[in-house]
N, C-alpha and C. Protein backbone atom coordinates (compact mmCIF):
# COMPACT_ATOMS: atom_id res chain seq x y z
N MET A 1 0.84 -1.17 0.00
CA MET A 1 0.00 0.00 0.00
C MET A 1 0.89 1.24 0.00
N ARG A 2 0.50 2.24 -0.77
CA ARG A 2 1.26 3.48 -0.85
C ARG A 2 1.06 4.32 0.40
N LYS A 3 2.17 4.68 1.04
CA LYS A 3 2.13 5.49 2.26
C LYS A 3 3.01 6.71 2.10
N THR A 4 2.65 7.77 2.79
CA THR A 4 3.44 9.00 2.78
C THR A 4 4.80 8.75 3.44
N VAL A 5 5.84 9.31 2.86
CA VAL A 5 7.18 9.28 3.45
C VAL A 5 7.48 10.69 3.93
N GLU A 6 7.93 10.80 5.17
CA GLU A 6 8.29 12.11 5.71
C GLU A 6 9.33 12.76 4.80
N LEU A 7 9.16 14.05 4.52
CA LEU A 7 10.08 14.72 3.60
C LEU A 7 11.52 14.65 4.09
N GLU A 8 11.73 14.67 5.40
CA GLU A 8 13.10 14.59 5.93
C GLU A 8 13.77 13.26 5.59
N LYS A 9 12.97 12.26 5.26
CA LYS A 9 13.52 10.93 4.93
C LYS A 9 13.37 10.60 3.44
N ALA A 10 12.91 11.54 2.65
CA ALA A 10 12.69 11.28 1.22
C ALA A 10 13.98 10.90 0.50
N TYR A 11 15.11 11.44 0.93
CA TYR A 11 16.38 11.12 0.28
C TYR A 11 16.67 9.62 0.32
N ARG A 12 16.15 8.93 1.34
CA ARG A 12 16.39 7.49 1.48
C ARG A 12 15.74 6.68 0.36
N LEU A 13 14.77 7.25 -0.31
CA LEU A 13 14.12 6.55 -1.42
C LEU A 13 15.06 6.41 -2.61
N MET A 14 16.04 7.33 -2.72
CA MET A 14 16.96 7.32 -3.86
C MET A 14 18.40 7.02 -3.47
N ASN A 15 18.69 6.99 -2.20
CA ASN A 15 20.08 6.92 -1.74
C ASN A 15 20.80 5.65 -2.19
N HIS A 16 20.08 4.62 -2.55
CA HIS A 16 20.72 3.37 -2.99
C HIS A 16 20.97 3.33 -4.50
N GLY A 17 20.73 4.45 -5.19
CA GLY A 17 21.11 4.58 -6.59
C GLY A 17 20.29 3.85 -7.62
N PRO A 18 18.97 3.78 -7.48
CA PRO A 18 18.18 3.04 -8.48
C PRO A 18 18.06 3.80 -9.80
N THR A 19 17.85 3.05 -10.86
CA THR A 19 17.41 3.66 -12.11
C THR A 19 15.96 4.07 -11.88
N VAL A 20 15.57 5.23 -12.39
CA VAL A 20 14.23 5.75 -12.12
C VAL A 20 13.48 6.04 -13.40
N LEU A 21 12.19 6.21 -13.25
CA LEU A 21 11.34 6.73 -14.32
C LEU A 21 10.99 8.15 -13.93
N ILE A 22 11.13 9.07 -14.87
CA ILE A 22 10.79 10.46 -14.60
C ILE A 22 9.58 10.81 -15.45
N SER A 23 8.50 11.20 -14.78
CA SER A 23 7.30 11.59 -15.52
C SER A 23 7.19 13.10 -15.49
N SER A 24 6.60 13.62 -16.57
CA SER A 24 6.43 15.06 -16.71
C SER A 24 5.14 15.32 -17.48
N SER A 25 4.63 16.53 -17.33
CA SER A 25 3.38 16.88 -17.99
C SER A 25 3.29 18.39 -18.14
N TYR A 26 2.77 18.83 -19.29
CA TYR A 26 2.55 20.26 -19.51
C TYR A 26 1.44 20.43 -20.54
N GLN A 27 0.43 21.17 -20.17
CA GLN A 27 -0.70 21.49 -21.05
C GLN A 27 -1.24 20.27 -21.79
N GLY A 28 -1.52 19.21 -21.05
CA GLY A 28 -2.14 18.03 -21.63
C GLY A 28 -1.20 17.05 -22.29
N LYS A 29 0.08 17.38 -22.39
CA LYS A 29 1.06 16.45 -22.96
C LYS A 29 1.89 15.89 -21.81
N ALA A 30 2.02 14.57 -21.80
CA ALA A 30 2.78 13.91 -20.74
C ALA A 30 3.84 13.01 -21.35
N ASN A 31 4.87 12.75 -20.57
CA ASN A 31 5.93 11.85 -21.02
C ASN A 31 6.53 11.14 -19.82
N VAL A 32 7.21 10.06 -20.13
CA VAL A 32 7.97 9.32 -19.11
C VAL A 32 9.28 8.88 -19.76
N MET A 33 10.34 8.96 -19.00
CA MET A 33 11.66 8.56 -19.48
C MET A 33 12.40 7.82 -18.37
N ALA A 34 13.40 7.06 -18.75
CA ALA A 34 14.25 6.39 -17.77
C ALA A 34 15.48 7.26 -17.52
N ALA A 35 15.98 7.23 -16.29
CA ALA A 35 17.19 7.97 -15.96
C ALA A 35 17.99 7.20 -14.92
N ALA A 36 19.28 7.10 -15.15
CA ALA A 36 20.17 6.45 -14.19
C ALA A 36 20.99 7.48 -13.43
N TRP A 37 21.14 8.67 -13.99
CA TRP A 37 21.95 9.70 -13.35
C TRP A 37 21.06 10.61 -12.52
N THR A 38 20.73 10.14 -11.34
CA THR A 38 19.89 10.89 -10.40
C THR A 38 20.44 10.68 -9.00
N MET A 39 20.16 11.63 -8.12
CA MET A 39 20.65 11.47 -6.75
C MET A 39 19.95 12.43 -5.80
N PRO A 40 19.89 12.05 -4.51
CA PRO A 40 19.42 13.00 -3.51
C PRO A 40 20.50 14.07 -3.34
N LEU A 41 20.08 15.28 -2.99
CA LEU A 41 21.03 16.38 -2.94
C LEU A 41 21.06 17.09 -1.60
N ASP A 42 19.95 17.10 -0.89
CA ASP A 42 19.89 17.84 0.37
C ASP A 42 18.77 17.26 1.22
N PHE A 43 18.80 17.61 2.51
CA PHE A 43 17.83 17.07 3.46
C PHE A 43 16.64 17.98 3.72
N SER A 44 16.91 19.26 3.99
CA SER A 44 15.83 20.14 4.44
C SER A 44 16.00 21.53 3.84
N PRO A 45 15.19 21.90 2.87
CA PRO A 45 14.19 21.02 2.27
C PRO A 45 14.88 19.97 1.40
N PRO A 46 14.22 18.83 1.22
CA PRO A 46 14.83 17.78 0.41
C PRO A 46 14.94 18.19 -1.05
N LYS A 47 16.09 17.91 -1.63
CA LYS A 47 16.33 18.26 -3.03
C LYS A 47 16.92 17.05 -3.74
N VAL A 48 16.75 17.04 -5.06
CA VAL A 48 17.30 15.99 -5.91
C VAL A 48 18.00 16.63 -7.10
N ALA A 49 18.89 15.86 -7.71
CA ALA A 49 19.56 16.28 -8.94
C ALA A 49 19.32 15.19 -9.98
N ILE A 50 18.98 15.61 -11.20
CA ILE A 50 18.77 14.66 -12.30
C ILE A 50 19.46 15.22 -13.54
N VAL A 51 19.98 14.34 -14.36
CA VAL A 51 20.61 14.74 -15.62
C VAL A 51 19.67 14.35 -16.75
N ILE A 52 19.26 15.37 -17.54
CA ILE A 52 18.38 15.14 -18.69
C ILE A 52 18.87 16.00 -19.84
N ASP A 53 19.14 15.38 -20.96
CA ASP A 53 19.64 16.08 -22.14
C ASP A 53 18.72 17.22 -22.55
N LYS A 54 19.31 18.33 -22.94
CA LYS A 54 18.54 19.52 -23.30
C LYS A 54 17.63 19.32 -24.50
N ASN A 55 17.89 18.32 -25.32
CA ASN A 55 17.06 18.08 -26.51
C ASN A 55 15.92 17.10 -26.26
N SER A 56 15.79 16.60 -25.05
CA SER A 56 14.75 15.59 -24.81
C SER A 56 13.37 16.24 -24.60
N PHE A 57 12.35 15.48 -24.95
CA PHE A 57 10.98 15.93 -24.78
C PHE A 57 10.66 16.14 -23.30
N SER A 58 11.12 15.22 -22.46
CA SER A 58 10.88 15.35 -21.02
C SER A 58 11.46 16.65 -20.48
N ARG A 59 12.65 16.97 -20.90
CA ARG A 59 13.30 18.21 -20.43
C ARG A 59 12.45 19.42 -20.77
N SER A 60 11.92 19.47 -21.99
CA SER A 60 11.10 20.63 -22.38
C SER A 60 9.83 20.70 -21.53
N LEU A 61 9.20 19.56 -21.27
CA LEU A 61 8.00 19.55 -20.43
C LEU A 61 8.32 20.00 -19.00
N ILE A 62 9.43 19.53 -18.47
CA ILE A 62 9.83 19.90 -17.10
C ILE A 62 10.13 21.39 -17.01
N GLU A 63 10.87 21.91 -17.97
CA GLU A 63 11.21 23.33 -17.91
C GLU A 63 9.99 24.22 -18.11
N LYS A 64 9.02 23.79 -18.91
CA LYS A 64 7.80 24.58 -19.10
C LYS A 64 6.87 24.49 -17.89
N SER A 65 6.74 23.31 -17.32
CA SER A 65 5.80 23.12 -16.21
C SER A 65 6.41 23.46 -14.85
N GLY A 66 7.72 23.32 -14.75
CA GLY A 66 8.39 23.56 -13.48
C GLY A 66 8.21 22.44 -12.47
N GLU A 67 7.93 21.23 -12.95
CA GLU A 67 7.72 20.11 -12.03
C GLU A 67 7.93 18.78 -12.72
N PHE A 68 8.12 17.73 -11.90
CA PHE A 68 8.30 16.37 -12.40
C PHE A 68 8.11 15.40 -11.25
N VAL A 69 8.00 14.12 -11.59
CA VAL A 69 7.90 13.07 -10.58
C VAL A 69 8.99 12.05 -10.85
N ILE A 70 9.69 11.66 -9.80
CA ILE A 70 10.65 10.56 -9.87
C ILE A 70 9.93 9.32 -9.35
N CYS A 71 9.84 8.30 -10.20
CA CYS A 71 9.18 7.04 -9.85
C CYS A 71 10.25 5.95 -9.82
N ILE A 72 10.22 5.13 -8.79
CA ILE A 72 11.25 4.10 -8.64
C ILE A 72 10.66 2.74 -9.03
N PRO A 73 11.07 2.24 -10.23
CA PRO A 73 10.51 0.99 -10.74
C PRO A 73 11.14 -0.25 -10.12
N THR A 74 10.49 -1.37 -10.38
CA THR A 74 10.93 -2.66 -9.84
C THR A 74 11.45 -3.57 -10.95
N VAL A 75 11.93 -4.72 -10.55
CA VAL A 75 12.37 -5.76 -11.48
C VAL A 75 11.26 -6.06 -12.49
N GLN A 76 10.02 -6.04 -12.05
CA GLN A 76 8.89 -6.32 -12.94
C GLN A 76 8.74 -5.26 -14.02
N GLN A 77 9.33 -4.09 -13.83
CA GLN A 77 9.22 -3.00 -14.80
C GLN A 77 10.52 -2.77 -15.58
N GLU A 78 11.39 -3.74 -15.54
CA GLU A 78 12.68 -3.62 -16.23
C GLU A 78 12.51 -3.42 -17.74
N GLU A 79 11.66 -4.22 -18.37
CA GLU A 79 11.45 -4.07 -19.81
C GLU A 79 10.80 -2.74 -20.13
N LEU A 80 9.84 -2.32 -19.32
CA LEU A 80 9.20 -1.02 -19.52
C LEU A 80 10.23 0.10 -19.39
N THR A 81 11.08 0.01 -18.39
CA THR A 81 12.11 1.02 -18.17
C THR A 81 13.03 1.12 -19.38
N THR A 82 13.44 -0.01 -19.91
CA THR A 82 14.28 -0.02 -21.10
C THR A 82 13.54 0.58 -22.29
N ALA A 83 12.28 0.21 -22.46
CA ALA A 83 11.49 0.69 -23.60
C ALA A 83 11.33 2.21 -23.57
N VAL A 84 10.90 2.76 -22.42
CA VAL A 84 10.66 4.21 -22.38
C VAL A 84 11.97 4.99 -22.40
N GLY A 85 13.07 4.33 -22.07
CA GLY A 85 14.37 4.99 -22.13
C GLY A 85 15.03 4.88 -23.49
N SER A 86 14.40 4.17 -24.42
CA SER A 86 15.00 3.93 -25.73
C SER A 86 14.29 4.65 -26.87
N CYS A 87 13.30 5.48 -26.55
CA CYS A 87 12.58 6.19 -27.60
C CYS A 87 12.17 7.57 -27.08
N SER A 88 11.80 8.44 -28.00
CA SER A 88 11.40 9.79 -27.63
C SER A 88 9.89 9.92 -27.58
N GLY A 89 9.42 10.70 -26.64
CA GLY A 89 8.00 10.99 -26.54
C GLY A 89 7.56 12.12 -27.45
N LYS A 90 8.49 12.70 -28.20
CA LYS A 90 8.13 13.80 -29.11
C LYS A 90 7.15 13.33 -30.18
N SER A 91 7.34 12.09 -30.64
CA SER A 91 6.52 11.61 -31.75
C SER A 91 5.58 10.47 -31.37
N MET A 92 5.51 10.14 -30.08
CA MET A 92 4.61 9.06 -29.66
C MET A 92 4.15 9.29 -28.24
N ASP A 93 3.01 8.71 -27.91
CA ASP A 93 2.50 8.75 -26.55
C ASP A 93 2.94 7.45 -25.88
N LYS A 94 3.97 7.53 -25.07
CA LYS A 94 4.51 6.32 -24.43
C LYS A 94 3.49 5.67 -23.49
N PHE A 95 2.62 6.47 -22.89
CA PHE A 95 1.64 5.92 -21.96
C PHE A 95 0.69 4.97 -22.69
N SER A 96 0.21 5.37 -23.88
CA SER A 96 -0.67 4.44 -24.60
C SER A 96 0.11 3.37 -25.33
N GLU A 97 1.25 3.70 -25.88
CA GLU A 97 2.06 2.71 -26.60
C GLU A 97 2.45 1.53 -25.70
N TYR A 98 2.82 1.82 -24.47
CA TYR A 98 3.27 0.77 -23.55
C TYR A 98 2.24 0.42 -22.47
N LYS A 99 1.03 0.93 -22.65
CA LYS A 99 -0.08 0.64 -21.72
C LYS A 99 0.31 0.90 -20.26
N ILE A 100 0.88 2.09 -20.04
CA ILE A 100 1.33 2.48 -18.71
C ILE A 100 0.15 3.06 -17.94
N THR A 101 -0.10 2.50 -16.78
CA THR A 101 -1.16 3.04 -15.93
C THR A 101 -0.54 4.02 -14.93
N THR A 102 -1.34 5.00 -14.56
CA THR A 102 -0.84 6.06 -13.69
C THR A 102 -1.84 6.35 -12.58
N GLU A 103 -1.35 7.09 -11.61
CA GLU A 103 -2.18 7.60 -10.53
C GLU A 103 -1.93 9.10 -10.45
N LYS A 104 -2.90 9.81 -9.91
CA LYS A 104 -2.77 11.26 -9.78
C LYS A 104 -1.81 11.59 -8.65
N ALA A 105 -0.92 12.53 -8.92
CA ALA A 105 -0.02 13.02 -7.88
C ALA A 105 -0.79 13.98 -6.98
N SER A 106 -0.22 14.30 -5.83
CA SER A 106 -0.93 15.16 -4.89
C SER A 106 -0.66 16.64 -5.10
N LEU A 107 0.56 17.01 -5.53
CA LEU A 107 0.91 18.43 -5.62
C LEU A 107 1.43 18.87 -6.97
N VAL A 108 1.62 17.96 -7.90
CA VAL A 108 2.10 18.31 -9.24
C VAL A 108 1.20 17.65 -10.28
N ALA A 109 1.28 18.14 -11.52
CA ALA A 109 0.44 17.59 -12.59
C ALA A 109 1.02 16.31 -13.19
N ALA A 110 2.33 16.13 -13.11
CA ALA A 110 2.95 14.92 -13.66
C ALA A 110 2.41 13.70 -12.92
N PRO A 111 2.17 12.60 -13.64
CA PRO A 111 1.56 11.43 -13.01
C PRO A 111 2.54 10.54 -12.25
N LEU A 112 1.99 9.76 -11.33
CA LEU A 112 2.74 8.70 -10.65
C LEU A 112 2.58 7.44 -11.49
N ILE A 113 3.67 6.75 -11.79
CA ILE A 113 3.60 5.53 -12.58
C ILE A 113 3.21 4.37 -11.65
N SER A 114 2.11 3.71 -11.98
CA SER A 114 1.64 2.59 -11.17
C SER A 114 2.64 1.44 -11.20
N GLY A 115 2.70 0.69 -10.10
CA GLY A 115 3.58 -0.46 -10.02
C GLY A 115 4.96 -0.16 -9.49
N CYS A 116 5.31 1.11 -9.39
CA CYS A 116 6.60 1.47 -8.82
C CYS A 116 6.54 1.28 -7.31
N VAL A 117 7.70 1.34 -6.65
CA VAL A 117 7.72 1.17 -5.20
C VAL A 117 7.92 2.47 -4.44
N ALA A 118 8.20 3.57 -5.17
CA ALA A 118 8.32 4.87 -4.52
C ALA A 118 8.15 5.97 -5.55
N TRP A 119 7.74 7.14 -5.05
CA TRP A 119 7.48 8.29 -5.90
C TRP A 119 7.89 9.55 -5.16
N LEU A 120 8.55 10.47 -5.86
CA LEU A 120 8.92 11.76 -5.29
C LEU A 120 8.38 12.85 -6.20
N GLU A 121 7.45 13.63 -5.70
CA GLU A 121 6.90 14.75 -6.46
C GLU A 121 7.85 15.93 -6.27
N CYS A 122 8.26 16.55 -7.38
CA CYS A 122 9.30 17.58 -7.31
C CYS A 122 8.91 18.85 -8.06
N LYS A 123 9.34 19.97 -7.51
CA LYS A 123 9.23 21.28 -8.17
C LYS A 123 10.63 21.65 -8.65
N LEU A 124 10.74 22.04 -9.90
CA LEU A 124 12.02 22.42 -10.48
C LEU A 124 12.57 23.66 -9.78
N ILE A 125 13.84 23.63 -9.43
CA ILE A 125 14.54 24.80 -8.91
C ILE A 125 15.31 25.37 -10.10
N PRO A 126 14.85 26.48 -10.66
CA PRO A 126 15.50 27.01 -11.87
C PRO A 126 16.95 27.43 -11.59
N GLU A 127 17.85 26.84 -12.33
CA GLU A 127 19.28 27.16 -12.28
C GLU A 127 19.77 27.14 -13.72
N PRO A 128 19.47 28.21 -14.50
CA PRO A 128 19.77 28.20 -15.94
C PRO A 128 21.21 27.84 -16.30
N HIS A 129 22.17 28.31 -15.53
CA HIS A 129 23.57 28.03 -15.88
C HIS A 129 23.87 26.53 -15.84
N ILE A 130 23.53 25.87 -14.74
CA ILE A 130 23.86 24.44 -14.68
C ILE A 130 22.96 23.61 -15.59
N GLN A 131 21.72 24.07 -15.81
CA GLN A 131 20.84 23.35 -16.74
C GLN A 131 21.42 23.39 -18.14
N ASN A 132 21.84 24.58 -18.58
CA ASN A 132 22.34 24.73 -19.95
C ASN A 132 23.75 24.19 -20.13
N THR A 133 24.57 24.30 -19.11
CA THR A 133 25.97 23.87 -19.22
C THR A 133 26.14 22.37 -19.00
N TYR A 134 25.44 21.83 -18.02
CA TYR A 134 25.66 20.44 -17.62
C TYR A 134 24.45 19.52 -17.79
N ASP A 135 23.33 20.03 -18.29
CA ASP A 135 22.08 19.26 -18.40
C ASP A 135 21.62 18.75 -17.04
N LEU A 136 21.98 19.45 -15.99
CA LEU A 136 21.66 19.07 -14.62
C LEU A 136 20.47 19.88 -14.13
N LEU A 137 19.43 19.18 -13.71
CA LEU A 137 18.24 19.85 -13.17
C LEU A 137 18.14 19.55 -11.68
N LEU A 138 17.74 20.56 -10.93
CA LEU A 138 17.55 20.40 -9.49
C LEU A 138 16.07 20.49 -9.18
N GLY A 139 15.63 19.72 -8.23
CA GLY A 139 14.23 19.76 -7.83
C GLY A 139 14.09 19.72 -6.32
N GLU A 140 13.07 20.40 -5.83
CA GLU A 140 12.73 20.29 -4.41
C GLU A 140 11.63 19.25 -4.28
N VAL A 141 11.82 18.30 -3.42
CA VAL A 141 10.81 17.26 -3.19
C VAL A 141 9.71 17.87 -2.34
N VAL A 142 8.48 17.88 -2.87
CA VAL A 142 7.35 18.48 -2.15
C VAL A 142 6.39 17.42 -1.60
N ALA A 143 6.51 16.20 -2.06
CA ALA A 143 5.72 15.08 -1.53
C ALA A 143 6.45 13.79 -1.89
N ALA A 144 6.36 12.81 -1.01
CA ALA A 144 7.03 11.53 -1.25
C ALA A 144 6.15 10.39 -0.74
N TRP A 145 6.21 9.28 -1.47
CA TRP A 145 5.39 8.11 -1.18
C TRP A 145 6.23 6.86 -1.38
N ALA A 146 5.85 5.80 -0.69
CA ALA A 146 6.50 4.50 -0.91
C ALA A 146 5.51 3.38 -0.62
N ASP A 147 5.74 2.26 -1.26
CA ASP A 147 4.97 1.05 -0.99
C ASP A 147 5.47 0.52 0.35
N ASP A 148 4.59 0.46 1.33
CA ASP A 148 5.03 0.08 2.68
C ASP A 148 5.39 -1.40 2.82
N THR A 149 5.18 -2.18 1.76
CA THR A 149 5.64 -3.57 1.83
C THR A 149 7.15 -3.67 1.61
N VAL A 150 7.76 -2.60 1.07
CA VAL A 150 9.21 -2.61 0.85
C VAL A 150 9.94 -1.42 1.48
N PHE A 151 9.20 -0.40 1.92
CA PHE A 151 9.82 0.76 2.57
C PHE A 151 8.93 1.20 3.72
N SER A 152 9.46 1.09 4.93
CA SER A 152 8.73 1.56 6.10
C SER A 152 9.73 1.90 7.19
N HIS A 153 9.29 2.74 8.11
CA HIS A 153 10.16 3.19 9.21
C HIS A 153 11.45 3.80 8.67
N GLY A 154 11.35 4.45 7.49
CA GLY A 154 12.50 5.12 6.90
C GLY A 154 13.55 4.20 6.30
N ARG A 155 13.20 2.95 6.03
CA ARG A 155 14.17 1.97 5.52
C ARG A 155 13.56 1.08 4.43
N TRP A 156 14.43 0.69 3.48
CA TRP A 156 14.06 -0.32 2.50
C TRP A 156 14.20 -1.70 3.14
N HIS A 157 13.31 -2.60 2.79
CA HIS A 157 13.41 -4.01 3.21
C HIS A 157 12.77 -4.87 2.13
N PHE A 158 13.63 -5.35 1.25
CA PHE A 158 13.17 -6.14 0.10
C PHE A 158 13.09 -7.61 0.47
N THR A 159 11.88 -8.11 0.59
CA THR A 159 11.69 -9.53 0.90
C THR A 159 11.15 -10.29 -0.31
N ASN A 160 10.57 -9.56 -1.25
CA ASN A 160 10.01 -10.16 -2.46
C ASN A 160 10.91 -9.78 -3.63
N ASP A 161 11.51 -10.75 -4.28
CA ASP A 161 12.45 -10.47 -5.36
C ASP A 161 11.85 -9.65 -6.49
N THR A 162 10.55 -9.77 -6.74
CA THR A 162 9.93 -9.02 -7.84
C THR A 162 9.77 -7.54 -7.52
N GLN A 163 9.92 -7.17 -6.26
CA GLN A 163 9.79 -5.76 -5.89
C GLN A 163 11.14 -5.07 -5.68
N ARG A 164 12.21 -5.75 -5.99
CA ARG A 164 13.53 -5.13 -5.86
C ARG A 164 13.70 -4.04 -6.91
N THR A 165 14.49 -3.03 -6.59
CA THR A 165 14.74 -1.95 -7.53
C THR A 165 15.82 -2.37 -8.52
N ILE A 166 15.87 -1.64 -9.64
CA ILE A 166 16.82 -1.96 -10.71
C ILE A 166 17.86 -0.85 -10.81
N HIS A 167 19.05 -1.25 -11.29
CA HIS A 167 20.18 -0.33 -11.36
C HIS A 167 20.90 -0.55 -12.69
N HIS A 168 20.76 0.42 -13.59
CA HIS A 168 21.35 0.29 -14.92
C HIS A 168 22.87 0.45 -14.82
N VAL A 169 23.59 -0.48 -15.42
CA VAL A 169 25.05 -0.43 -15.34
C VAL A 169 25.72 -0.23 -16.70
N ALA A 170 24.95 -0.08 -17.77
CA ALA A 170 25.43 0.22 -19.13
C ALA A 170 25.11 -0.91 -20.08
N GLY A 171 25.00 -0.54 -21.35
CA GLY A 171 24.79 -1.52 -22.40
C GLY A 171 23.52 -2.34 -22.27
N GLY A 172 22.48 -1.76 -21.66
CA GLY A 172 21.22 -2.48 -21.51
C GLY A 172 21.21 -3.50 -20.38
N HIS A 173 22.21 -3.46 -19.52
CA HIS A 173 22.30 -4.41 -18.40
C HIS A 173 21.92 -3.73 -17.10
N TYR A 174 21.24 -4.49 -16.26
CA TYR A 174 20.82 -4.00 -14.94
C TYR A 174 21.33 -4.93 -13.85
N LEU A 175 21.48 -4.38 -12.68
CA LEU A 175 21.65 -5.16 -11.46
C LEU A 175 20.39 -4.97 -10.65
N HIS A 176 20.07 -5.93 -9.81
CA HIS A 176 18.93 -5.81 -8.90
C HIS A 176 19.49 -5.58 -7.51
N ILE A 177 18.81 -4.72 -6.75
CA ILE A 177 19.28 -4.44 -5.40
C ILE A 177 19.37 -5.75 -4.62
N GLY A 178 20.37 -5.85 -3.77
CA GLY A 178 20.58 -7.07 -3.00
C GLY A 178 20.00 -6.99 -1.61
N ASP A 179 20.50 -7.83 -0.75
CA ASP A 179 20.03 -7.89 0.63
C ASP A 179 20.69 -6.81 1.47
N ALA A 180 19.97 -6.32 2.45
CA ALA A 180 20.52 -5.35 3.39
C ALA A 180 21.44 -6.07 4.37
N VAL A 181 22.53 -5.43 4.68
CA VAL A 181 23.46 -5.98 5.67
C VAL A 181 23.82 -4.89 6.67
N THR A 182 24.08 -5.28 7.88
CA THR A 182 24.53 -4.35 8.90
C THR A 182 25.88 -4.85 9.39
N PRO A 183 26.97 -4.15 9.03
CA PRO A 183 28.28 -4.63 9.43
C PRO A 183 28.50 -4.46 10.93
N ASP A 184 29.31 -5.35 11.48
CA ASP A 184 29.71 -5.20 12.88
C ASP A 184 30.66 -4.01 12.96
N THR A 185 30.60 -3.30 14.05
CA THR A 185 31.53 -2.18 14.23
C THR A 185 32.91 -2.74 14.55
N LEU A 186 33.92 -1.99 14.18
CA LEU A 186 35.29 -2.42 14.45
C LEU A 186 35.57 -2.38 15.95
N ALA A 187 36.21 -3.40 16.43
CA ALA A 187 36.57 -3.43 17.85
C ALA A 187 37.76 -2.52 18.09
N ASP A 188 37.84 -1.95 19.27
CA ASP A 188 38.98 -1.07 19.61
C ASP A 188 40.25 -1.86 19.74
């Protein structure tokens, strides 16, 4: 079940480096893309950094609307993630082409992608120099959600292999998140 994540802990949704789906919407046009170059950036207020090429359709929607959603897909969405990351939404509606179901976000117009295990609703922090020079976009997280079967009490706990997050490592290959471990502290 989708539960609210405290904004102070929203960074934990991305801290393990998953490949994500980024949804965007502006004036009735929506898109979704895959991104591996994303990261939490700050705690309070929570911020994120994402790299999106200046020529992409998603980038234009984000810059026009001033908002986006980071959705964290699972192993079950690996093929979908590859598909939406391999084509442009300029000439096709990826939502209908790939039969992507969505849910309404609470504070932004961009949709939440169903089946993901976490979602971060973000408002773009305009930084024209870094956007134009490095294709780096910053966002303030204004709402965060997670599936409580895999994220609760501020922690990930993957017990079902199909709900593990995916991590793109290049050339169309992914790794799946592994088991959590707690190392023993070093003895004096």
